[in-house]
Amino acid sequence: MRALLKALAPDSFEDVAALIALYRPGPMSVNMHYDYADRKNGRKPVEFFHADAEEVLGDTFGLMIYQESVMRVAQKFAGYSLAEADNLRKAMGKKSREVMAKARAAFEEGCARNGYGDRLGVQLFDIIEKFADYAFNKSHSFGYGLVTYQTAYLKAHYPVEYFSCLLTSVKSNLDKAAIYLSDARSMASKVLTPDINRSVSDFAALSPNEVPRAWSLRPGAGCDRIRPLRRA
């Protein structure tokens, strides 16, 4: 992920959303994630399978990275209505070979009827059929992208509060807690040992650069045992 972020150099929210859709086994298996990064940053030319595709795929540098990209292509080239294009999207989501086979004939006929020819229809549907195995929903990508942006902002500007919440969320999983503790230390946040005077049951942001370790991480030191000690 870090290597891809460096290659992509995202400078817009759209890039963050695209990253969510691309960093998955399907797109990565055909190198689409680096194709997108290279086209965005001018290391590879932006190519379109047809000049008219620039109108619908210009914002993704000629690549169909979302299910909605396929919908727009189907509307433009096969003359689909929005409802018909959405049915194609649903068929892709089901990943049913039988359903996709039925959709092929209508798509190819539509391309021929719109003046793009049978050959382009076959070529395009071959791409769409393969894409059905890993197509991701754009609305999901943007939703996850928003959460990604928000958490990155909190991590960068409020690291103590961020790591306190994150570590508390995984306090029952020591393997994950160890990874996040290391990440917290790498960001110059000092993770303290449990302190009877300062620590509480969960991790807490009690000072600008320090995260008191939660008592709940210590075996046998649950809330019921700590509260009487703190009251004393």
C-alpha atoms as a PDB file:
ATOM      1  CA  MET A   1       0.000   0.000   0.000  1.00  0.00           C
ATOM      2  CA  ARG A   2       2.762   2.461   0.897  1.00  0.00           C
ATOM      3  CA  ALA A   3       4.574   1.740  -2.378  1.00  0.00           C
ATOM      4  CA  LEU A   4       1.363   2.339  -4.327  1.00  0.00           C
ATOM      5  CA  LEU A   5       0.686   5.590  -2.448  1.00  0.00           C
ATOM      6  CA  LYS A   6       4.162   6.823  -3.357  1.00  0.00           C
ATOM      7  CA  ALA A   7       3.642   5.854  -7.004  1.00  0.00           C
ATOM      8  CA  LEU A   8       0.169   7.394  -7.149  1.00  0.00           C
ATOM      9  CA  ALA A   9       0.972  10.617  -5.225  1.00  0.00           C
ATOM     10  CA  PRO A  10      -2.743  11.314  -4.567  1.00  0.00           C
ATOM     11  CA  ASP A  11      -3.679  14.990  -4.713  1.00  0.00           C
ATOM     12  CA  SER A  12      -7.476  14.761  -4.741  1.00  0.00           C
ATOM     13  CA  PHE A  13     -10.235  12.881  -2.989  1.00  0.00           C
ATOM     14  CA  GLU A  14     -10.949  11.041  -6.261  1.00  0.00           C
ATOM     15  CA  ASP A  15      -7.454   9.527  -6.076  1.00  0.00           C
ATOM     16  CA  VAL A  16      -8.150   8.250  -2.555  1.00  0.00           C
ATOM     17  CA  ALA A  17     -11.387   6.606  -3.710  1.00  0.00           C
ATOM     18  CA  ALA A  18      -9.654   5.074  -6.738  1.00  0.00           C
ATOM     19  CA  LEU A  19      -6.974   3.670  -4.457  1.00  0.00           C
ATOM     20  CA  ILE A  20      -9.650   1.872  -2.415  1.00  0.00           C
ATOM     21  CA  ALA A  21     -11.050   0.241  -5.570  1.00  0.00           C
ATOM     22  CA  LEU A  22      -7.653  -0.641  -7.023  1.00  0.00           C
ATOM     23  CA  TYR A  23      -5.854  -2.041  -3.990  1.00  0.00           C
ATOM     24  CA  ARG A  24      -7.537  -5.427  -4.158  1.00  0.00           C
ATOM     25  CA  PRO A  25      -6.467  -8.803  -5.587  1.00  0.00           C
ATOM     26  CA  GLY A  26      -8.390  -8.501  -8.892  1.00  0.00           C
ATOM     27  CA  PRO A  27      -7.095  -5.140 -10.137  1.00  0.00           C
ATOM     28  CA  MET A  28      -3.640  -5.880  -8.757  1.00  0.00           C
ATOM     29  CA  SER A  29      -3.486  -9.203 -10.627  1.00  0.00           C
ATOM     30  CA  VAL A  30      -3.638  -7.306 -13.953  1.00  0.00           C
ATOM     31  CA  ASN A  31      -1.456  -4.420 -12.709  1.00  0.00           C
ATOM     32  CA  MET A  32      -4.327  -1.947 -13.017  1.00  0.00           C
ATOM     33  CA  HIS A  33      -3.291  -0.193  -9.787  1.00  0.00           C
ATOM     34  CA  TYR A  34       0.102   0.816 -11.181  1.00  0.00           C
ATOM     35  CA  ASP A  35      -1.342   1.502 -14.645  1.00  0.00           C
ATOM     36  CA  TYR A  36      -3.610   4.069 -12.991  1.00  0.00           C
ATOM     37  CA  ALA A  37      -0.718   5.585 -11.018  1.00  0.00           C
ATOM     38  CA  ASP A  38       1.538   5.741 -14.080  1.00  0.00           C
ATOM     39  CA  ARG A  39      -1.126   7.288 -16.318  1.00  0.00           C
ATOM     40  CA  LYS A  40      -2.072   9.850 -13.678  1.00  0.00           C
ATOM     41  CA  ASN A  41       1.520  10.981 -13.258  1.00  0.00           C
ATOM     42  CA  GLY A  42       2.480  10.942 -16.951  1.00  0.00           C
ATOM     43  CA  ARG A  43       4.773   7.928 -16.837  1.00  0.00           C
ATOM     44  CA  LYS A  44       2.511   6.148 -19.333  1.00  0.00           C
ATOM     45  CA  PRO A  45       0.257   7.651 -22.014  1.00  0.00           C
ATOM     46  CA  VAL A  46      -3.486   7.767 -21.353  1.00  0.00           C
ATOM     47  CA  GLU A  47      -5.042   5.476 -23.941  1.00  0.00           C
ATOM     48  CA  PHE A  48      -8.695   4.898 -24.837  1.00  0.00           C
ATOM     49  CA  PHE A  49     -10.101   1.890 -26.694  1.00  0.00           C
ATOM     50  CA  HIS A  50     -12.122   4.394 -28.784  1.00  0.00           C
ATOM     51  CA  ALA A  51     -11.996   8.166 -29.102  1.00  0.00           C
ATOM     52  CA  ASP A  52     -15.549   8.429 -27.753  1.00  0.00           C
ATOM     53  CA  ALA A  53     -14.481   6.666 -24.546  1.00  0.00           C
ATOM     54  CA  GLU A  54     -12.704   9.793 -23.352  1.00  0.00           C
ATOM     55  CA  GLU A  55     -16.090  11.294 -22.532  1.00  0.00           C
ATOM     56  CA  VAL A  56     -16.930   8.522 -20.032  1.00  0.00           C
ATOM     57  CA  LEU A  57     -13.491   7.342 -18.866  1.00  0.00           C
ATOM     58  CA  GLY A  58     -11.517  10.573 -18.905  1.00  0.00           C
ATOM     59  CA  ASP A  59     -11.663  10.944 -15.118  1.00  0.00           C
ATOM     60  CA  THR A  60     -10.132   7.470 -14.618  1.00  0.00           C
ATOM     61  CA  PHE A  61      -7.442   7.845 -17.311  1.00  0.00           C
ATOM     62  CA  GLY A  62      -9.083   5.410 -19.723  1.00  0.00           C
ATOM     63  CA  LEU A  63      -9.482   2.583 -17.203  1.00  0.00           C
ATOM     64  CA  MET A  64     -12.711   0.963 -16.052  1.00  0.00           C
ATOM     65  CA  ILE A  65     -12.011   0.812 -12.346  1.00  0.00           C
ATOM     66  CA  TYR A  66     -15.586   0.947 -11.012  1.00  0.00           C
ATOM     67  CA  GLN A  67     -18.818  -0.863 -11.779  1.00  0.00           C
ATOM     68  CA  GLU A  68     -20.220   2.561 -12.649  1.00  0.00           C
ATOM     69  CA  SER A  69     -17.482   2.917 -15.295  1.00  0.00           C
ATOM     70  CA  VAL A  70     -18.958  -0.114 -17.038  1.00  0.00           C
ATOM     71  CA  MET A  71     -22.440   1.399 -16.751  1.00  0.00           C
ATOM     72  CA  ARG A  72     -21.297   4.570 -18.498  1.00  0.00           C
ATOM     73  CA  VAL A  73     -19.572   2.574 -21.245  1.00  0.00           C
ATOM     74  CA  ALA A  74     -22.740   0.492 -21.757  1.00  0.00           C
ATOM     75  CA  GLN A  75     -24.860   3.636 -22.053  1.00  0.00           C
ATOM     76  CA  LYS A  76     -22.479   5.332 -24.459  1.00  0.00           C
ATOM     77  CA  PHE A  77     -21.541   2.455 -26.738  1.00  0.00           C
ATOM     78  CA  ALA A  78     -24.403  -0.058 -26.472  1.00  0.00           C
ATOM     79  CA  GLY A  79     -27.190   2.499 -26.078  1.00  0.00           C
ATOM     80  CA  TYR A  80     -28.331   1.127 -22.727  1.00  0.00           C
ATOM     81  CA  SER A  81     -30.805   3.049 -20.629  1.00  0.00           C
ATOM     82  CA  LEU A  82     -29.735   3.802 -17.080  1.00  0.00           C
ATOM     83  CA  ALA A  83     -31.941   0.940 -15.839  1.00  0.00           C
ATOM     84  CA  GLU A  84     -30.411  -1.498 -18.345  1.00  0.00           C
ATOM     85  CA  ALA A  85     -26.909  -0.387 -17.394  1.00  0.00           C
ATOM     86  CA  ASP A  86     -27.768  -0.915 -13.722  1.00  0.00           C
ATOM     87  CA  ASN A  87     -28.979  -4.436 -14.516  1.00  0.00           C
ATOM     88  CA  LEU A  88     -25.595  -5.102 -16.109  1.00  0.00           C
ATOM     89  CA  ARG A  89     -23.924  -3.774 -12.938  1.00  0.00           C
ATOM     90  CA  LYS A  90     -26.044  -6.139 -10.832  1.00  0.00           C
ATOM     91  CA  ALA A  91     -25.090  -9.056 -13.068  1.00  0.00           C
ATOM     92  CA  MET A  92     -21.427  -8.200 -12.546  1.00  0.00           C
ATOM     93  CA  GLY A  93     -21.977  -8.016  -8.797  1.00  0.00           C
ATOM     94  CA  LYS A  94     -23.458 -11.534  -8.768  1.00  0.00           C
ATOM     95  CA  LYS A  95     -20.410 -12.807 -10.692  1.00  0.00           C
ATOM     96  CA  SER A  96     -22.681 -15.257 -12.502  1.00  0.00           C
ATOM     97  CA  ARG A  97     -21.246 -16.538 -15.769  1.00  0.00           C
ATOM     98  CA  GLU A  98     -24.696 -17.538 -16.994  1.00  0.00           C
ATOM     99  CA  VAL A  99     -26.157 -14.086 -16.390  1.00  0.00           C
ATOM    100  CA  MET A 100     -23.164 -12.423 -18.049  1.00  0.00           C
ATOM    101  CA  ALA A 101     -23.451 -14.722 -21.076  1.00  0.00           C
ATOM    102  CA  LYS A 102     -27.086 -13.616 -21.561  1.00  0.00           C
ATOM    103  CA  ALA A 103     -26.040  -9.972 -21.317  1.00  0.00           C
ATOM    104  CA  ARG A 104     -23.346 -10.369 -23.991  1.00  0.00           C
ATOM    105  CA  ALA A 105     -25.685 -10.730 -26.966  1.00  0.00           C
ATOM    106  CA  ALA A 106     -27.690  -7.609 -26.047  1.00  0.00           C
ATOM    107  CA  PHE A 107     -24.523  -5.599 -25.481  1.00  0.00           C
ATOM    108  CA  GLU A 108     -22.910  -6.594 -28.772  1.00  0.00           C
ATOM    109  CA  GLU A 109     -26.128  -5.916 -30.678  1.00  0.00           C
ATOM    110  CA  GLY A 110     -26.358  -2.500 -29.043  1.00  0.00           C
ATOM    111  CA  CYS A 111     -22.823  -1.567 -30.073  1.00  0.00           C
ATOM    112  CA  ALA A 112     -23.549  -2.577 -33.678  1.00  0.00           C
ATOM    113  CA  ARG A 113     -26.844  -0.684 -33.665  1.00  0.00           C
ATOM    114  CA  ASN A 114     -25.102   2.479 -32.389  1.00  0.00           C
ATOM    115  CA  GLY A 115     -22.601   2.344 -35.245  1.00  0.00           C
ATOM    116  CA  TYR A 116     -19.582   1.022 -33.315  1.00  0.00           C
ATOM    117  CA  GLY A 117     -19.571  -2.372 -35.020  1.00  0.00           C
ATOM    118  CA  ASP A 118     -19.683  -5.981 -33.829  1.00  0.00           C
ATOM    119  CA  ARG A 119     -15.933  -6.160 -33.335  1.00  0.00           C
ATOM    120  CA  LEU A 120     -15.806  -3.394 -30.715  1.00  0.00           C
ATOM    121  CA  GLY A 121     -18.825  -4.905 -28.961  1.00  0.00           C
ATOM    122  CA  VAL A 122     -17.033  -8.257 -28.628  1.00  0.00           C
ATOM    123  CA  GLN A 123     -13.814  -6.562 -27.502  1.00  0.00           C
ATOM    124  CA  LEU A 124     -15.576  -4.437 -24.904  1.00  0.00           C
ATOM    125  CA  PHE A 125     -17.665  -7.228 -23.446  1.00  0.00           C
ATOM    126  CA  ASP A 126     -14.577  -9.440 -23.158  1.00  0.00           C
ATOM    127  CA  ILE A 127     -13.083  -6.717 -20.946  1.00  0.00           C
ATOM    128  CA  ILE A 128     -16.317  -6.296 -18.975  1.00  0.00           C
ATOM    129  CA  GLU A 129     -16.658 -10.062 -18.426  1.00  0.00           C
ATOM    130  CA  LYS A 130     -13.174 -10.269 -16.921  1.00  0.00           C
ATOM    131  CA  PHE A 131     -13.776  -7.086 -14.954  1.00  0.00           C
ATOM    132  CA  ALA A 132     -16.877  -8.658 -13.370  1.00  0.00           C
ATOM    133  CA  ASP A 133     -14.590 -10.822 -11.227  1.00  0.00           C
ATOM    134  CA  TYR A 134     -13.220  -7.829  -9.329  1.00  0.00           C
ATOM    135  CA  ALA A 135     -15.355  -4.770 -10.143  1.00  0.00           C
ATOM    136  CA  PHE A 136     -15.934  -2.498  -7.152  1.00  0.00           C
ATOM    137  CA  ASN A 137     -18.810  -0.147  -6.506  1.00  0.00           C
ATOM    138  CA  LYS A 138     -17.872   3.539  -6.813  1.00  0.00           C
ATOM    139  CA  SER A 139     -20.187   4.653  -4.026  1.00  0.00           C
ATOM    140  CA  HIS A 140     -18.510   2.175  -1.684  1.00  0.00           C
ATOM    141  CA  SER A 141     -15.074   3.417  -2.720  1.00  0.00           C
ATOM    142  CA  PHE A 142     -16.039   7.009  -1.984  1.00  0.00           C
ATOM    143  CA  GLY A 143     -17.605   6.032   1.343  1.00  0.00           C
ATOM    144  CA  TYR A 144     -14.517   4.113   2.437  1.00  0.00           C
ATOM    145  CA  GLY A 145     -12.371   6.881   1.004  1.00  0.00           C
ATOM    146  CA  LEU A 146     -14.061   9.425   3.267  1.00  0.00           C
ATOM    147  CA  VAL A 147     -13.364   7.277   6.331  1.00  0.00           C
ATOM    148  CA  THR A 148      -9.766   6.843   5.141  1.00  0.00           C
ATOM    149  CA  TYR A 149      -9.332  10.601   4.743  1.00  0.00           C
ATOM    150  CA  GLN A 150     -10.846  11.321   8.151  1.00  0.00           C
ATOM    151  CA  THR A 151      -8.716   8.766   9.991  1.00  0.00           C
ATOM    152  CA  ALA A 152      -5.564   9.927   8.187  1.00  0.00           C
ATOM    153  CA  TYR A 153      -6.336  13.503   9.243  1.00  0.00           C
ATOM    154  CA  LEU A 154      -6.849  12.461  12.865  1.00  0.00           C
ATOM    155  CA  LYS A 155      -3.673  10.377  12.845  1.00  0.00           C
ATOM    156  CA  ALA A 156      -1.645  13.287  11.452  1.00  0.00           C
ATOM    157  CA  HIS A 157      -3.088  16.089  13.607  1.00  0.00           C
ATOM    158  CA  TYR A 158      -4.348  14.341  16.750  1.00  0.00           C
ATOM    159  CA  PRO A 159      -2.057  11.291  17.084  1.00  0.00           C
ATOM    160  CA  VAL A 160      -2.457  10.791  20.830  1.00  0.00           C
ATOM    161  CA  GLU A 161      -6.258  10.837  20.666  1.00  0.00           C
ATOM    162  CA  TYR A 162      -6.217   8.701  17.530  1.00  0.00           C
ATOM    163  CA  PHE A 163      -3.948   6.002  18.950  1.00  0.00           C
ATOM    164  CA  SER A 164      -5.787   6.003  22.279  1.00  0.00           C
ATOM    165  CA  CYS A 165      -9.029   5.127  20.486  1.00  0.00           C
ATOM    166  CA  LEU A 166      -7.375   2.705  18.076  1.00  0.00           C
ATOM    167  CA  LEU A 167      -5.505   0.809  20.795  1.00  0.00           C
ATOM    168  CA  THR A 168      -8.628   0.622  22.951  1.00  0.00           C
ATOM    169  CA  SER A 169     -10.536  -0.891  19.996  1.00  0.00           C
ATOM    170  CA  VAL A 170      -8.020  -3.790  19.777  1.00  0.00           C
ATOM    171  CA  LYS A 171      -7.214  -4.225  23.456  1.00  0.00           C
ATOM    172  CA  SER A 172      -8.496  -7.812  23.345  1.00  0.00           C
ATOM    173  CA  ASN A 173      -6.238  -8.655  20.382  1.00  0.00           C
ATOM    174  CA  LEU A 174      -2.645  -8.520  21.602  1.00  0.00           C
ATOM    175  CA  ASP A 175      -1.156  -9.161  18.138  1.00  0.00           C
ATOM    176  CA  LYS A 176      -2.891  -6.142  16.626  1.00  0.00           C
ATOM    177  CA  ALA A 177      -2.217  -4.065  19.737  1.00  0.00           C
ATOM    178  CA  ALA A 178       1.509  -4.746  19.377  1.00  0.00           C
ATOM    179  CA  ILE A 179       1.472  -3.504  15.757  1.00  0.00           C
ATOM    180  CA  TYR A 180      -0.367  -0.300  16.667  1.00  0.00           C
ATOM    181  CA  LEU A 181       1.846   0.311  19.709  1.00  0.00           C
ATOM    182  CA  SER A 182       4.860   0.197  17.412  1.00  0.00           C
ATOM    183  CA  ASP A 183       3.144   2.592  14.993  1.00  0.00           C
ATOM    184  CA  ALA A 184       2.335   4.984  17.851  1.00  0.00           C
ATOM    185  CA  ARG A 185       5.951   5.013  19.006  1.00  0.00           C
ATOM    186  CA  SER A 186       7.169   5.675  15.469  1.00  0.00           C
ATOM    187  CA  MET A 187       5.094   8.881  15.436  1.00  0.00           C
ATOM    188  CA  ALA A 188       6.882  10.218  18.515  1.00  0.00           C
ATOM    189  CA  SER A 189       4.006   9.396  20.839  1.00  0.00           C
ATOM    190  CA  LYS A 190       5.328   8.030  24.094  1.00  0.00           C
ATOM    191  CA  VAL A 191       3.409   4.959  25.211  1.00  0.00           C
ATOM    192  CA  LEU A 192       3.829   4.733  28.958  1.00  0.00           C
ATOM    193  CA  THR A 193       3.854   1.676  31.160  1.00  0.00           C
ATOM    194  CA  PRO A 194       0.759   1.249  33.359  1.00  0.00           C
ATOM    195  CA  ASP A 195       0.717   3.865  36.112  1.00  0.00           C
ATOM    196  CA  ILE A 196      -1.590   3.443  39.088  1.00  0.00           C
ATOM    197  CA  ASN A 197      -1.896   7.226  39.344  1.00  0.00           C
ATOM    198  CA  ARG A 198      -2.576   7.980  35.672  1.00  0.00           C
ATOM    199  CA  SER A 199      -3.681   4.890  33.767  1.00  0.00           C
ATOM    200  CA  VAL A 200      -7.317   3.981  33.392  1.00  0.00           C
ATOM    201  CA  SER A 201      -8.989   0.827  32.146  1.00  0.00           C
ATOM    202  CA  ASP A 202      -8.651   1.878  28.481  1.00  0.00           C
ATOM    203  CA  PHE A 203      -5.999   3.878  26.640  1.00  0.00           C
ATOM    204  CA  ALA A 204      -6.601   7.578  27.118  1.00  0.00           C
ATOM    205  CA  ALA A 205      -5.202  10.882  25.812  1.00  0.00           C
ATOM    206  CA  LEU A 206      -4.200  12.485  29.106  1.00  0.00           C
ATOM    207  CA  SER A 207      -1.318  14.632  27.854  1.00  0.00           C
ATOM    208  CA  PRO A 208      -0.185  16.051  24.468  1.00  0.00           C
ATOM    209  CA  ASN A 209       2.494  13.474  23.634  1.00  0.00           C
ATOM    210  CA  GLU A 210       1.854  10.547  25.950  1.00  0.00           C
ATOM    211  CA  VAL A 211      -0.493   7.595  25.847  1.00  0.00           C
ATOM    212  CA  PRO A 212      -0.826   5.890  29.248  1.00  0.00           C
ATOM    213  CA  ARG A 213      -1.030   2.149  28.725  1.00  0.00           C
ATOM    214  CA  ALA A 214      -4.405   0.649  29.578  1.00  0.00           C
ATOM    215  CA  TRP A 215      -4.673  -1.544  32.648  1.00  0.00           C
ATOM    216  CA  SER A 216      -6.955  -3.846  30.709  1.00  0.00           C
ATOM    217  CA  LEU A 217      -3.946  -5.141  28.749  1.00  0.00           C
ATOM    218  CA  ARG A 218      -2.410  -6.610  31.888  1.00  0.00           C
ATOM    219  CA  PRO A 219      -3.625 -10.093  32.811  1.00  0.00           C
ATOM    220  CA  GLY A 220      -5.909 -10.023  35.832  1.00  0.00           C
ATOM    221  CA  ALA A 221      -6.060  -6.216  35.980  1.00  0.00           C
ATOM    222  CA  GLY A 222      -9.646  -5.618  34.951  1.00  0.00           C
ATOM    223  CA  CYS A 223     -11.891  -2.648  35.725  1.00  0.00           C
ATOM    224  CA  ASP A 224     -13.267  -4.213  38.930  1.00  0.00           C
ATOM    225  CA  ARG A 225      -9.795  -4.472  40.414  1.00  0.00           C
ATOM    226  CA  ILE A 226      -8.464  -1.100  39.267  1.00  0.00           C
ATOM    227  CA  ARG A 227     -11.359   1.148  40.329  1.00  0.00           C
ATOM    228  CA  PRO A 228     -10.954   0.485  44.101  1.00  0.00           C
ATOM    229  CA  LEU A 229      -7.213   1.151  43.859  1.00  0.00           C
ATOM    230  CA  ARG A 230      -7.760   4.463  42.065  1.00  0.00           C
ATOM    231  CA  ARG A 231     -10.409   5.532  44.574  1.00  0.00           C
ATOM    232  CA  ALA A 232      -7.976   4.777  47.397  1.00  0.00           C
END
